[in-house]
Amino acid sequence: MKSHVRAGRLALATALVLGLAGAAVGQPAPAEAFPAKTKASVIQYLRSITGSNVVSGQHNKEPASAPGQYTQQMKDITGQYPGLWGGDLMFRAQDAANRQRVIDQAKTEWANGSLVALTWHACSPTGPSTCEFDGGVKTQITNAQFTQIVTGGTALNTTWRQRMAEVVPYLRQLKDAGVPVLFRPFHEMNETWNWWGGRSGANGGAKIFQQMRDYFDSQGLDNLIWVWNVQDNPAGGWANYYPGNSYVDVVSLDVWYKNYPSAADYQQMQTIAGTKPIAIAELGKAPDANLLQSQTRWSYFMIWSEQLRGNNSNAEIQNAYFHPRVFNQGEVVLP
């Protein structure tokens, strides 16, 4: 299958250059539908490709009413869909009201042969359950408020547990459908733009991550692959936010301070992860050949929504997707 796919890529790339992508030239291999799987199968797969291949990914941000718009843009540019679809459980009222569309899209992407990733820009428990980004997700709370959120029996902890309960039925649909989810809550917890971030140590971001996993585990959501995440800020010390090996399945980095992870970033993530898979969970630049050939332990990358076209030329995107190490939809084969 691999040689057929590569030949199809070469023909497709040529067609794109000539402006003939719609013609009946080499097409990507048809997607191989995924049956119901356990989280262990996806983790095993990510381990198996470490060092040899990397799965392409594309995030889809709001509106939740159009949860596949950016993956479609990727298809328009490359003729192929990403090997990983990324979505969000959202925060605005209109988007929370369309969470079902996000879940339905996740099921569709899985059925078509793509891995599924979800993040959650949750609103602060100090305010209502739906909010605007500024002042709701991107907001500051006091250390005392944070302590109450992670302390059982307090009013803020009760509110937070209710907020988590709101998304359980959606995640349970994916469990019931046999869809493992690369779940990335409290992302960039070493940053201070969000209400949960900037708190290192055992009682900071690590604790709220642990408590969410414990709660979702208690709800039977054993399809969630827990993705821990930091941003590539120069402060370092990322391990100070780590909740522990028993709580984390994948260790991931968001790359925004620079285009690509530095060699030091790459090493720091490997040191934290040990034998766990590592991933680039957000970046704005499509990976170039140098990154793909020099940092081979990344198991997947996910380009951020509007950055796809806003920060990349079509040629840069095509070069990433047609790289021999990159697996797109139809090339991801689970055990």
C-alpha atoms as a PDB file:
ATOM      1  CA  MET A   1       0.000   0.000   0.000  1.00  0.00           C
ATOM      2  CA  LYS A   2       2.821   2.396   0.880  1.00  0.00           C
ATOM      3  CA  SER A   3       4.371   2.507  -2.581  1.00  0.00           C
ATOM      4  CA  HIS A   4       0.934   3.099  -4.101  1.00  0.00           C
ATOM      5  CA  VAL A   5       0.314   5.982  -1.743  1.00  0.00           C
ATOM      6  CA  ARG A   6       3.693   7.584  -2.464  1.00  0.00           C
ATOM      7  CA  ALA A   7       3.167   7.277  -6.207  1.00  0.00           C
ATOM      8  CA  GLY A   8      -0.244   8.856  -5.783  1.00  0.00           C
ATOM      9  CA  ARG A   9       1.276  11.676  -3.765  1.00  0.00           C
ATOM     10  CA  LEU A  10       3.852  12.428  -6.436  1.00  0.00           C
ATOM     11  CA  ALA A  11       1.216  12.536  -9.155  1.00  0.00           C
ATOM     12  CA  LEU A  12      -1.061  14.634  -6.970  1.00  0.00           C
ATOM     13  CA  ALA A  13       1.720  17.082  -6.169  1.00  0.00           C
ATOM     14  CA  THR A  14       2.438  17.473  -9.861  1.00  0.00           C
ATOM     15  CA  ALA A  15      -1.237  18.054 -10.557  1.00  0.00           C
ATOM     16  CA  LEU A  16      -1.476  20.660  -7.833  1.00  0.00           C
ATOM     17  CA  VAL A  17       1.480  22.532  -9.248  1.00  0.00           C
ATOM     18  CA  LEU A  18      -0.129  22.471 -12.682  1.00  0.00           C
ATOM     19  CA  GLY A  19      -3.487  23.518 -11.270  1.00  0.00           C
ATOM     20  CA  LEU A  20      -5.048  20.197 -12.252  1.00  0.00           C
ATOM     21  CA  ALA A  21      -5.867  18.802  -8.797  1.00  0.00           C
ATOM     22  CA  GLY A  22      -9.453  18.186  -9.824  1.00  0.00           C
ATOM     23  CA  ALA A  23      -8.473  16.028 -12.783  1.00  0.00           C
ATOM     24  CA  ALA A  24      -8.391  12.248 -12.673  1.00  0.00           C
ATOM     25  CA  VAL A  25      -4.713  11.997 -11.788  1.00  0.00           C
ATOM     26  CA  GLY A  26      -3.001  10.154  -8.933  1.00  0.00           C
ATOM     27  CA  GLN A  27      -5.313  10.268  -5.934  1.00  0.00           C
ATOM     28  CA  PRO A  28      -4.473   9.511  -2.309  1.00  0.00           C
ATOM     29  CA  ALA A  29      -5.218   6.014  -1.092  1.00  0.00           C
ATOM     30  CA  PRO A  30      -8.819   5.554   0.032  1.00  0.00           C
ATOM     31  CA  ALA A  31      -9.306   5.954   3.765  1.00  0.00           C
ATOM     32  CA  GLU A  32      -9.407   2.732   5.728  1.00  0.00           C
ATOM     33  CA  ALA A  33     -12.337   2.880   8.103  1.00  0.00           C
ATOM     34  CA  PHE A  34     -11.452   2.290  11.732  1.00  0.00           C
ATOM     35  CA  PRO A  35     -13.541  -0.173  13.717  1.00  0.00           C
ATOM     36  CA  ALA A  36     -14.160   0.302  17.436  1.00  0.00           C
ATOM     37  CA  LYS A  37     -10.828   0.359  19.274  1.00  0.00           C
ATOM     38  CA  THR A  38      -9.485   0.823  22.781  1.00  0.00           C
ATOM     39  CA  LYS A  39      -7.180   3.636  23.857  1.00  0.00           C
ATOM     40  CA  ALA A  40      -4.404   1.063  24.208  1.00  0.00           C
ATOM     41  CA  SER A  41      -4.438   0.417  20.471  1.00  0.00           C
ATOM     42  CA  VAL A  42      -3.831   4.099  19.684  1.00  0.00           C
ATOM     43  CA  ILE A  43      -1.096   4.428  22.299  1.00  0.00           C
ATOM     44  CA  GLN A  44       0.544   1.271  20.948  1.00  0.00           C
ATOM     45  CA  TYR A  45       0.354   2.712  17.450  1.00  0.00           C
ATOM     46  CA  LEU A  46       1.944   6.019  18.458  1.00  0.00           C
ATOM     47  CA  ARG A  47       4.750   4.099  20.156  1.00  0.00           C
ATOM     48  CA  SER A  48       5.218   1.909  17.094  1.00  0.00           C
ATOM     49  CA  ILE A  49       5.757   4.812  14.679  1.00  0.00           C
ATOM     50  CA  THR A  50       8.041   6.771  17.024  1.00  0.00           C
ATOM     51  CA  GLY A  51      11.307   7.399  15.234  1.00  0.00           C
ATOM     52  CA  SER A  52      10.021   6.337  11.836  1.00  0.00           C
ATOM     53  CA  ASN A  53       6.828   8.255  11.011  1.00  0.00           C
ATOM     54  CA  VAL A  54       4.644  11.111  12.220  1.00  0.00           C
ATOM     55  CA  VAL A  55       0.878  11.601  11.823  1.00  0.00           C
ATOM     56  CA  SER A  56      -0.320  14.863  10.258  1.00  0.00           C
ATOM     57  CA  GLY A  57      -2.985  16.767  12.179  1.00  0.00           C
ATOM     58  CA  GLN A  58      -5.249  19.772  11.739  1.00  0.00           C
ATOM     59  CA  HIS A  59      -7.188  21.599  14.450  1.00  0.00           C
ATOM     60  CA  ASN A  60     -10.726  22.906  13.933  1.00  0.00           C
ATOM     61  CA  LYS A  61     -11.683  25.801  16.184  1.00  0.00           C
ATOM     62  CA  GLU A  62     -14.996  27.622  16.546  1.00  0.00           C
ATOM     63  CA  PRO A  63     -17.645  27.809  15.299  1.00  0.00           C
ATOM     64  CA  ALA A  64     -18.724  24.379  16.520  1.00  0.00           C
ATOM     65  CA  SER A  65     -21.368  24.444  13.803  1.00  0.00           C
ATOM     66  CA  ALA A  66     -18.542  23.876  11.269  1.00  0.00           C
ATOM     67  CA  PRO A  67     -16.234  21.379  13.003  1.00  0.00           C
ATOM     68  CA  GLY A  68     -14.517  20.210   9.820  1.00  0.00           C
ATOM     69  CA  GLN A  69     -13.830  23.485   8.055  1.00  0.00           C
ATOM     70  CA  TYR A  70     -10.053  23.520   8.465  1.00  0.00           C
ATOM     71  CA  THR A  71      -9.545  19.855   7.642  1.00  0.00           C
ATOM     72  CA  GLN A  72     -11.468  20.583   4.443  1.00  0.00           C
ATOM     73  CA  GLN A  73      -9.081  23.441   3.713  1.00  0.00           C
ATOM     74  CA  MET A  74      -6.221  20.972   4.103  1.00  0.00           C
ATOM     75  CA  LYS A  75      -7.912  18.635   1.632  1.00  0.00           C
ATOM     76  CA  ASP A  76      -8.370  21.515  -0.793  1.00  0.00           C
ATOM     77  CA  ILE A  77      -4.666  22.338  -0.627  1.00  0.00           C
ATOM     78  CA  THR A  78      -3.135  18.858  -0.600  1.00  0.00           C
ATOM     79  CA  GLY A  79      -5.788  16.523  -1.936  1.00  0.00           C
ATOM     80  CA  GLN A  80      -5.544  14.585   1.322  1.00  0.00           C
ATOM     81  CA  TYR A  81      -7.148  14.712   4.735  1.00  0.00           C
ATOM     82  CA  PRO A  82      -5.009  14.814   7.880  1.00  0.00           C
ATOM     83  CA  GLY A  83      -4.241  11.609   9.743  1.00  0.00           C
ATOM     84  CA  LEU A  84      -5.520  13.333  12.879  1.00  0.00           C
ATOM     85  CA  TRP A  85      -8.593  15.541  13.280  1.00  0.00           C
ATOM     86  CA  GLY A  86      -8.543  18.042  16.134  1.00  0.00           C
ATOM     87  CA  GLY A  87     -11.609  19.609  17.729  1.00  0.00           C
ATOM     88  CA  ASP A  88     -12.673  21.484  20.854  1.00  0.00           C
ATOM     89  CA  LEU A  89     -15.465  21.134  23.412  1.00  0.00           C
ATOM     90  CA  MET A  90     -15.658  24.933  23.257  1.00  0.00           C
ATOM     91  CA  PHE A  91     -16.684  27.720  25.617  1.00  0.00           C
ATOM     92  CA  ARG A  92     -19.053  30.236  23.984  1.00  0.00           C
ATOM     93  CA  ALA A  93     -22.775  29.646  24.455  1.00  0.00           C
ATOM     94  CA  GLN A  94     -23.473  29.171  20.749  1.00  0.00           C
ATOM     95  CA  ASP A  95     -20.597  26.709  20.447  1.00  0.00           C
ATOM     96  CA  ALA A  96     -21.491  24.764  23.595  1.00  0.00           C
ATOM     97  CA  ALA A  97     -24.965  24.413  22.090  1.00  0.00           C
ATOM     98  CA  ASN A  98     -23.338  22.761  19.050  1.00  0.00           C
ATOM     99  CA  ARG A  99     -21.116  20.301  20.902  1.00  0.00           C
ATOM    100  CA  GLN A 100     -23.088  17.475  19.356  1.00  0.00           C
ATOM    101  CA  ARG A 101     -21.841  18.534  15.938  1.00  0.00           C
ATOM    102  CA  VAL A 102     -18.264  18.314  17.217  1.00  0.00           C
ATOM    103  CA  ILE A 103     -18.904  14.805  18.522  1.00  0.00           C
ATOM    104  CA  ASP A 104     -20.583  13.753  15.287  1.00  0.00           C
ATOM    105  CA  GLN A 105     -17.605  15.077  13.333  1.00  0.00           C
ATOM    106  CA  ALA A 106     -15.239  13.130  15.583  1.00  0.00           C
ATOM    107  CA  LYS A 107     -17.171   9.945  14.841  1.00  0.00           C
ATOM    108  CA  THR A 108     -17.055  10.671  11.117  1.00  0.00           C
ATOM    109  CA  GLU A 109     -13.325  11.371  11.131  1.00  0.00           C
ATOM    110  CA  TRP A 110     -12.643   8.163  13.061  1.00  0.00           C
ATOM    111  CA  ALA A 111     -14.823   6.158  10.675  1.00  0.00           C
ATOM    112  CA  ASN A 112     -12.869   7.646   7.773  1.00  0.00           C
ATOM    113  CA  GLY A 113      -9.538   6.543   9.224  1.00  0.00           C
ATOM    114  CA  SER A 114      -8.237   9.549  11.177  1.00  0.00           C
ATOM    115  CA  LEU A 115      -7.212   9.721  14.811  1.00  0.00           C
ATOM    116  CA  VAL A 116      -9.335  12.011  16.989  1.00  0.00           C
ATOM    117  CA  ALA A 117      -8.042  14.738  19.322  1.00  0.00           C
ATOM    118  CA  LEU A 118     -10.089  17.030  21.558  1.00  0.00           C
ATOM    119  CA  THR A 119      -9.052  19.945  23.675  1.00  0.00           C
ATOM    120  CA  TRP A 120     -11.270  21.965  26.001  1.00  0.00           C
ATOM    121  CA  HIS A 121     -11.065  25.702  26.526  1.00  0.00           C
ATOM    122  CA  ALA A 122     -13.122  25.504  29.716  1.00  0.00           C
ATOM    123  CA  CYS A 123     -14.574  28.619  31.316  1.00  0.00           C
ATOM    124  CA  SER A 124     -13.346  29.493  34.788  1.00  0.00           C
ATOM    125  CA  PRO A 125     -15.526  28.085  37.594  1.00  0.00           C
ATOM    126  CA  THR A 126     -15.541  31.595  39.061  1.00  0.00           C
ATOM    127  CA  GLY A 127     -17.980  32.562  36.280  1.00  0.00           C
ATOM    128  CA  PRO A 128     -20.789  31.005  34.225  1.00  0.00           C
ATOM    129  CA  SER A 129     -20.386  27.708  32.367  1.00  0.00           C
ATOM    130  CA  THR A 130     -20.309  29.478  28.994  1.00  0.00           C
ATOM    131  CA  CYS A 131     -18.200  32.556  28.375  1.00  0.00           C
ATOM    132  CA  GLU A 132     -16.208  34.602  25.928  1.00  0.00           C
ATOM    133  CA  PHE A 133     -12.534  33.779  25.471  1.00  0.00           C
ATOM    134  CA  ASP A 134     -11.335  37.073  26.942  1.00  0.00           C
ATOM    135  CA  GLY A 135     -12.475  37.285  30.534  1.00  0.00           C
ATOM    136  CA  GLY A 136     -13.714  33.700  30.664  1.00  0.00           C
ATOM    137  CA  VAL A 137     -10.983  31.344  29.443  1.00  0.00           C
ATOM    138  CA  LYS A 138      -8.262  33.939  29.172  1.00  0.00           C
ATOM    139  CA  THR A 139      -8.600  35.328  32.671  1.00  0.00           C
ATOM    140  CA  GLN A 140      -6.830  35.433  35.994  1.00  0.00           C
ATOM    141  CA  ILE A 141      -8.069  33.974  39.251  1.00  0.00           C
ATOM    142  CA  THR A 142      -6.451  34.234  42.662  1.00  0.00           C
ATOM    143  CA  ASN A 143      -4.402  31.470  44.222  1.00  0.00           C
ATOM    144  CA  ALA A 144      -7.079  31.208  46.904  1.00  0.00           C
ATOM    145  CA  GLN A 145      -9.758  30.660  44.254  1.00  0.00           C
ATOM    146  CA  PHE A 146      -7.649  28.028  42.514  1.00  0.00           C
ATOM    147  CA  THR A 147      -7.089  26.237  45.816  1.00  0.00           C
ATOM    148  CA  GLN A 148     -10.845  26.152  46.371  1.00  0.00           C
ATOM    149  CA  ILE A 149     -11.436  24.737  42.884  1.00  0.00           C
ATOM    150  CA  VAL A 150      -9.178  21.762  43.633  1.00  0.00           C
ATOM    151  CA  THR A 151     -10.375  21.281  47.233  1.00  0.00           C
ATOM    152  CA  GLY A 152     -13.322  18.954  47.685  1.00  0.00           C
ATOM    153  CA  GLY A 153     -16.353  20.348  49.501  1.00  0.00           C
ATOM    154  CA  THR A 154     -15.871  23.992  48.524  1.00  0.00           C
ATOM    155  CA  ALA A 155     -18.416  25.905  46.461  1.00  0.00           C
ATOM    156  CA  LEU A 156     -15.957  26.406  43.601  1.00  0.00           C
ATOM    157  CA  ASN A 157     -15.046  22.715  43.577  1.00  0.00           C
ATOM    158  CA  THR A 158     -18.742  21.831  43.381  1.00  0.00           C
ATOM    159  CA  THR A 159     -19.176  24.253  40.480  1.00  0.00           C
ATOM    160  CA  TRP A 160     -16.162  22.786  38.716  1.00  0.00           C
ATOM    161  CA  ARG A 161     -17.427  19.226  39.120  1.00  0.00           C
ATOM    162  CA  GLN A 162     -20.765  20.295  37.651  1.00  0.00           C
ATOM    163  CA  ARG A 163     -18.932  21.862  34.719  1.00  0.00           C
ATOM    164  CA  MET A 164     -17.025  18.654  34.056  1.00  0.00           C
ATOM    165  CA  ALA A 165     -20.276  16.704  34.317  1.00  0.00           C
ATOM    166  CA  GLU A 166     -21.722  18.794  31.461  1.00  0.00           C
ATOM    167  CA  VAL A 167     -19.278  17.315  28.936  1.00  0.00           C
ATOM    168  CA  VAL A 168     -19.364  13.713  30.197  1.00  0.00           C
ATOM    169  CA  PRO A 169     -22.385  12.720  28.033  1.00  0.00           C
ATOM    170  CA  TYR A 170     -20.570  13.922  24.909  1.00  0.00           C
ATOM    171  CA  LEU A 171     -17.366  12.061  25.726  1.00  0.00           C
ATOM    172  CA  ARG A 172     -19.402   8.994  26.633  1.00  0.00           C
ATOM    173  CA  GLN A 173     -20.876   8.927  23.117  1.00  0.00           C
ATOM    174  CA  LEU A 174     -17.355   8.514  21.762  1.00  0.00           C
ATOM    175  CA  LYS A 175     -16.613   5.761  24.273  1.00  0.00           C
ATOM    176  CA  ASP A 176     -19.797   3.940  23.290  1.00  0.00           C
ATOM    177  CA  ALA A 177     -18.835   4.276  19.614  1.00  0.00           C
ATOM    178  CA  GLY A 178     -15.394   2.781  20.265  1.00  0.00           C
ATOM    179  CA  VAL A 179     -13.578   6.025  19.461  1.00  0.00           C
ATOM    180  CA  PRO A 180     -10.407   6.630  21.504  1.00  0.00           C
ATOM    181  CA  VAL A 181      -9.792  10.353  22.055  1.00  0.00           C
ATOM    182  CA  LEU A 182      -6.464  12.120  22.444  1.00  0.00           C
ATOM    183  CA  PHE A 183      -7.812  14.374  25.195  1.00  0.00           C
ATOM    184  CA  ARG A 184      -5.806  17.506  26.018  1.00  0.00           C
ATOM    185  CA  PRO A 185      -7.307  19.515  28.899  1.00  0.00           C
ATOM    186  CA  PHE A 186      -5.557  22.406  30.687  1.00  0.00           C
ATOM    187  CA  HIS A 187      -3.225  22.905  27.757  1.00  0.00           C
ATOM    188  CA  GLU A 188      -0.267  25.250  28.099  1.00  0.00           C
ATOM    189  CA  MET A 189      -0.416  24.988  31.876  1.00  0.00           C
ATOM    190  CA  ASN A 190       2.994  26.646  32.150  1.00  0.00           C
ATOM    191  CA  GLU A 191       1.482  29.832  30.690  1.00  0.00           C
ATOM    192  CA  THR A 192      -0.446  32.514  32.589  1.00  0.00           C
ATOM    193  CA  TRP A 193      -2.976  33.615  29.954  1.00  0.00           C
ATOM    194  CA  ASN A 194      -5.465  30.982  31.130  1.00  0.00           C
ATOM    195  CA  TRP A 195      -7.134  30.644  34.535  1.00  0.00           C
ATOM    196  CA  TRP A 196      -5.587  27.229  35.257  1.00  0.00           C
ATOM    197  CA  GLY A 197      -2.028  28.079  34.260  1.00  0.00           C
ATOM    198  CA  GLY A 198       1.182  29.376  35.735  1.00  0.00           C
ATOM    199  CA  ARG A 199       0.981  27.213  38.861  1.00  0.00           C
ATOM    200  CA  SER A 200       3.851  24.778  39.188  1.00  0.00           C
ATOM    201  CA  GLY A 201       4.245  22.161  41.866  1.00  0.00           C
ATOM    202  CA  ALA A 202       2.058  19.411  43.273  1.00  0.00           C
ATOM    203  CA  ASN A 203      -0.867  21.701  44.158  1.00  0.00           C
ATOM    204  CA  GLY A 204      -0.965  23.622  40.869  1.00  0.00           C
ATOM    205  CA  GLY A 205      -1.731  22.556  37.305  1.00  0.00           C
ATOM    206  CA  ALA A 206      -0.657  19.010  38.085  1.00  0.00           C
ATOM    207  CA  LYS A 207      -3.370  18.673  40.725  1.00  0.00           C
ATOM    208  CA  ILE A 208      -6.294  19.925  38.645  1.00  0.00           C
ATOM    209  CA  PHE A 209      -5.167  17.608  35.808  1.00  0.00           C
ATOM    210  CA  GLN A 210      -5.070  14.658  38.221  1.00  0.00           C
ATOM    211  CA  GLN A 211      -8.499  15.500  39.601  1.00  0.00           C
ATOM    212  CA  MET A 212     -10.069  15.732  36.149  1.00  0.00           C
ATOM    213  CA  ARG A 213      -8.634  12.364  35.175  1.00  0.00           C
ATOM    214  CA  ASP A 214      -9.833  10.802  38.422  1.00  0.00           C
ATOM    215  CA  TYR A 215     -13.319  12.220  37.849  1.00  0.00           C
ATOM    216  CA  PHE A 216     -13.599  11.161  34.196  1.00  0.00           C
ATOM    217  CA  ASP A 217     -12.200   7.723  35.085  1.00  0.00           C
ATOM    218  CA  SER A 218     -14.938   7.423  37.709  1.00  0.00           C
ATOM    219  CA  GLN A 219     -17.448   8.100  34.922  1.00  0.00           C
ATOM    220  CA  GLY A 220     -16.148   5.141  32.946  1.00  0.00           C
ATOM    221  CA  LEU A 221     -14.453   7.211  30.231  1.00  0.00           C
ATOM    222  CA  ASP A 222     -11.660   4.722  29.628  1.00  0.00           C
ATOM    223  CA  ASN A 223     -11.438   5.784  25.966  1.00  0.00           C
ATOM    224  CA  LEU A 224      -9.611   9.003  26.843  1.00  0.00           C
ATOM    225  CA  ILE A 225      -5.906   9.128  26.042  1.00  0.00           C
ATOM    226  CA  TRP A 226      -4.614  11.767  28.449  1.00  0.00           C
ATOM    227  CA  VAL A 227      -2.393  14.281  26.691  1.00  0.00           C
ATOM    228  CA  TRP A 228      -0.398  16.582  28.965  1.00  0.00           C
ATOM    229  CA  ASN A 229       0.706  19.854  27.416  1.00  0.00           C
ATOM    230  CA  VAL A 230       2.975  22.850  27.899  1.00  0.00           C
ATOM    231  CA  GLN A 231       3.987  25.731  25.664  1.00  0.00           C
ATOM    232  CA  ASP A 232       7.543  26.307  24.446  1.00  0.00           C
ATOM    233  CA  ASN A 233       8.172  29.338  26.633  1.00  0.00           C
ATOM    234  CA  PRO A 234      11.796  30.105  27.467  1.00  0.00           C
ATOM    235  CA  ALA A 235      11.245  29.847  31.236  1.00  0.00           C
ATOM    236  CA  GLY A 236      11.738  26.086  31.035  1.00  0.00           C
ATOM    237  CA  GLY A 237      11.139  23.932  34.085  1.00  0.00           C
ATOM    238  CA  TRP A 238       8.253  22.230  32.320  1.00  0.00           C
ATOM    239  CA  ALA A 239       8.561  19.100  34.451  1.00  0.00           C
ATOM    240  CA  ASN A 240       7.378  21.165  37.439  1.00  0.00           C
ATOM    241  CA  TYR A 241       3.874  21.019  35.947  1.00  0.00           C
ATOM    242  CA  TYR A 242       3.870  17.283  35.253  1.00  0.00           C
ATOM    243  CA  PRO A 243       1.120  15.328  37.054  1.00  0.00           C
ATOM    244  CA  GLY A 244       3.005  12.033  37.034  1.00  0.00           C
ATOM    245  CA  ASN A 245       3.397   9.027  34.770  1.00  0.00           C
ATOM    246  CA  SER A 246       0.267   7.295  36.026  1.00  0.00           C
ATOM    247  CA  TYR A 247      -1.865  10.248  34.890  1.00  0.00           C
ATOM    248  CA  VAL A 248      -0.335  10.919  31.469  1.00  0.00           C
ATOM    249  CA  ASP A 249      -0.398   8.879  28.255  1.00  0.00           C
ATOM    250  CA  VAL A 250       1.144  11.359  25.785  1.00  0.00           C
ATOM    251  CA  VAL A 251       3.491  14.299  26.488  1.00  0.00           C
ATOM    252  CA  SER A 252       2.955  17.249  24.152  1.00  0.00           C
ATOM    253  CA  LEU A 253       4.285  20.697  23.314  1.00  0.00           C
ATOM    254  CA  ASP A 254       2.630  23.765  21.790  1.00  0.00           C
ATOM    255  CA  VAL A 255       5.092  25.741  19.669  1.00  0.00           C
ATOM    256  CA  TRP A 256       4.335  29.461  19.542  1.00  0.00           C
ATOM    257  CA  TYR A 257       7.418  31.320  20.770  1.00  0.00           C
ATOM    258  CA  LYS A 258       9.204  30.153  17.628  1.00  0.00           C
ATOM    259  CA  ASN A 259       8.258  28.337  14.447  1.00  0.00           C
ATOM    260  CA  TYR A 260       9.591  24.925  15.455  1.00  0.00           C
ATOM    261  CA  PRO A 261      10.801  23.229  18.646  1.00  0.00           C
ATOM    262  CA  SER A 262      14.446  23.853  19.363  1.00  0.00           C
ATOM    263  CA  ALA A 263      16.824  20.968  20.010  1.00  0.00           C
ATOM    264  CA  ALA A 264      16.619  21.876  23.715  1.00  0.00           C
ATOM    265  CA  ASP A 265      12.791  21.829  23.611  1.00  0.00           C
ATOM    266  CA  TYR A 266      12.875  18.430  21.940  1.00  0.00           C
ATOM    267  CA  GLN A 267      15.260  17.077  24.555  1.00  0.00           C
ATOM    268  CA  GLN A 268      13.264  18.507  27.462  1.00  0.00           C
ATOM    269  CA  MET A 269      10.093  16.806  26.229  1.00  0.00           C
ATOM    270  CA  GLN A 270      11.872  13.482  25.813  1.00  0.00           C
ATOM    271  CA  THR A 271      13.295  13.726  29.309  1.00  0.00           C
ATOM    272  CA  ILE A 272       9.832  14.271  30.777  1.00  0.00           C
ATOM    273  CA  ALA A 273       8.180  11.604  28.633  1.00  0.00           C
ATOM    274  CA  GLY A 274      10.621   8.764  29.010  1.00  0.00           C
ATOM    275  CA  THR A 275       9.110   5.976  26.920  1.00  0.00           C
ATOM    276  CA  LYS A 276       5.749   7.710  26.429  1.00  0.00           C
ATOM    277  CA  PRO A 277       4.881   9.127  22.989  1.00  0.00           C
ATOM    278  CA  ILE A 278       5.567  12.822  22.449  1.00  0.00           C
ATOM    279  CA  ALA A 279       3.690  15.142  20.111  1.00  0.00           C
ATOM    280  CA  ILE A 280       3.530  18.706  18.813  1.00  0.00           C
ATOM    281  CA  ALA A 281      -0.044  19.502  19.810  1.00  0.00           C
ATOM    282  CA  GLU A 282      -0.156  22.999  18.289  1.00  0.00           C
ATOM    283  CA  LEU A 283       2.010  24.862  15.820  1.00  0.00           C
ATOM    284  CA  GLY A 284       1.438  27.562  13.266  1.00  0.00           C
ATOM    285  CA  LYS A 285       4.049  26.588  10.665  1.00  0.00           C
ATOM    286  CA  ALA A 286       3.737  23.416   8.640  1.00  0.00           C
ATOM    287  CA  PRO A 287       6.729  21.210   9.540  1.00  0.00           C
ATOM    288  CA  ASP A 288       9.625  21.506   7.118  1.00  0.00           C
ATOM    289  CA  ALA A 289      11.980  18.778   5.983  1.00  0.00           C
ATOM    290  CA  ASN A 290      14.660  19.749   8.493  1.00  0.00           C
ATOM    291  CA  LEU A 291      12.300  19.349  11.448  1.00  0.00           C
ATOM    292  CA  LEU A 292      10.829  16.109  10.132  1.00  0.00           C
ATOM    293  CA  GLN A 293      14.265  14.606   9.565  1.00  0.00           C
ATOM    294  CA  SER A 294      16.019  15.829  12.718  1.00  0.00           C
ATOM    295  CA  GLN A 295      13.335  15.402  15.407  1.00  0.00           C
ATOM    296  CA  THR A 296      11.981  11.975  14.612  1.00  0.00           C
ATOM    297  CA  ARG A 297      10.362  11.063  17.945  1.00  0.00           C
ATOM    298  CA  TRP A 298       7.318  13.323  17.518  1.00  0.00           C
ATOM    299  CA  SER A 299       4.375  10.970  16.939  1.00  0.00           C
ATOM    300  CA  TYR A 300       1.979  13.590  15.545  1.00  0.00           C
ATOM    301  CA  PHE A 301       1.731  17.296  14.846  1.00  0.00           C
ATOM    302  CA  MET A 302      -1.383  19.477  14.674  1.00  0.00           C
ATOM    303  CA  ILE A 303      -1.473  22.749  12.756  1.00  0.00           C
ATOM    304  CA  TRP A 304      -3.652  25.402  14.370  1.00  0.00           C
ATOM    305  CA  SER A 305      -6.863  26.342  12.558  1.00  0.00           C
ATOM    306  CA  GLU A 306      -6.520  29.745  10.881  1.00  0.00           C
ATOM    307  CA  GLN A 307      -2.717  29.521  10.944  1.00  0.00           C
ATOM    308  CA  LEU A 308      -2.939  26.881   8.213  1.00  0.00           C
ATOM    309  CA  ARG A 309      -3.483  29.447   5.482  1.00  0.00           C
ATOM    310  CA  GLY A 310      -2.572  32.511   7.494  1.00  0.00           C
ATOM    311  CA  ASN A 311       1.003  31.420   8.155  1.00  0.00           C
ATOM    312  CA  ASN A 312       1.842  28.975   5.353  1.00  0.00           C
ATOM    313  CA  SER A 313       2.037  28.947   1.576  1.00  0.00           C
ATOM    314  CA  ASN A 314       0.336  26.134  -0.297  1.00  0.00           C
ATOM    315  CA  ALA A 315       3.766  24.806  -1.234  1.00  0.00           C
ATOM    316  CA  GLU A 316       4.863  24.659   2.400  1.00  0.00           C
ATOM    317  CA  ILE A 317       1.722  22.749   3.352  1.00  0.00           C
ATOM    318  CA  GLN A 318       2.075  20.357   0.421  1.00  0.00           C
ATOM    319  CA  ASN A 319       5.746  19.733   1.234  1.00  0.00           C
ATOM    320  CA  ALA A 320       4.791  18.713   4.760  1.00  0.00           C
ATOM    321  CA  TYR A 321       1.952  16.435   3.700  1.00  0.00           C
ATOM    322  CA  PHE A 322       3.906  14.788   0.894  1.00  0.00           C
ATOM    323  CA  HIS A 323       7.016  14.172   3.019  1.00  0.00           C
ATOM    324  CA  PRO A 324       7.907  10.459   3.115  1.00  0.00           C
ATOM    325  CA  ARG A 325       7.755  10.342   6.931  1.00  0.00           C
ATOM    326  CA  VAL A 326       4.273  11.872   7.205  1.00  0.00           C
ATOM    327  CA  PHE A 327       1.160   9.709   7.521  1.00  0.00           C
ATOM    328  CA  ASN A 328      -2.142  11.203   6.350  1.00  0.00           C
ATOM    329  CA  GLN A 329      -5.661   9.773   6.441  1.00  0.00           C
ATOM    330  CA  GLY A 330      -5.621   6.348   4.824  1.00  0.00           C
ATOM    331  CA  GLU A 331      -2.061   5.637   5.947  1.00  0.00           C
ATOM    332  CA  VAL A 332      -2.712   5.321   9.677  1.00  0.00           C
ATOM    333  CA  VAL A 333      -3.038   1.584  10.363  1.00  0.00           C
ATOM    334  CA  LEU A 334      -3.972   0.651  13.920  1.00  0.00           C
ATOM    335  CA  PRO A 335      -3.079  -2.691  15.522  1.00  0.00           C
END
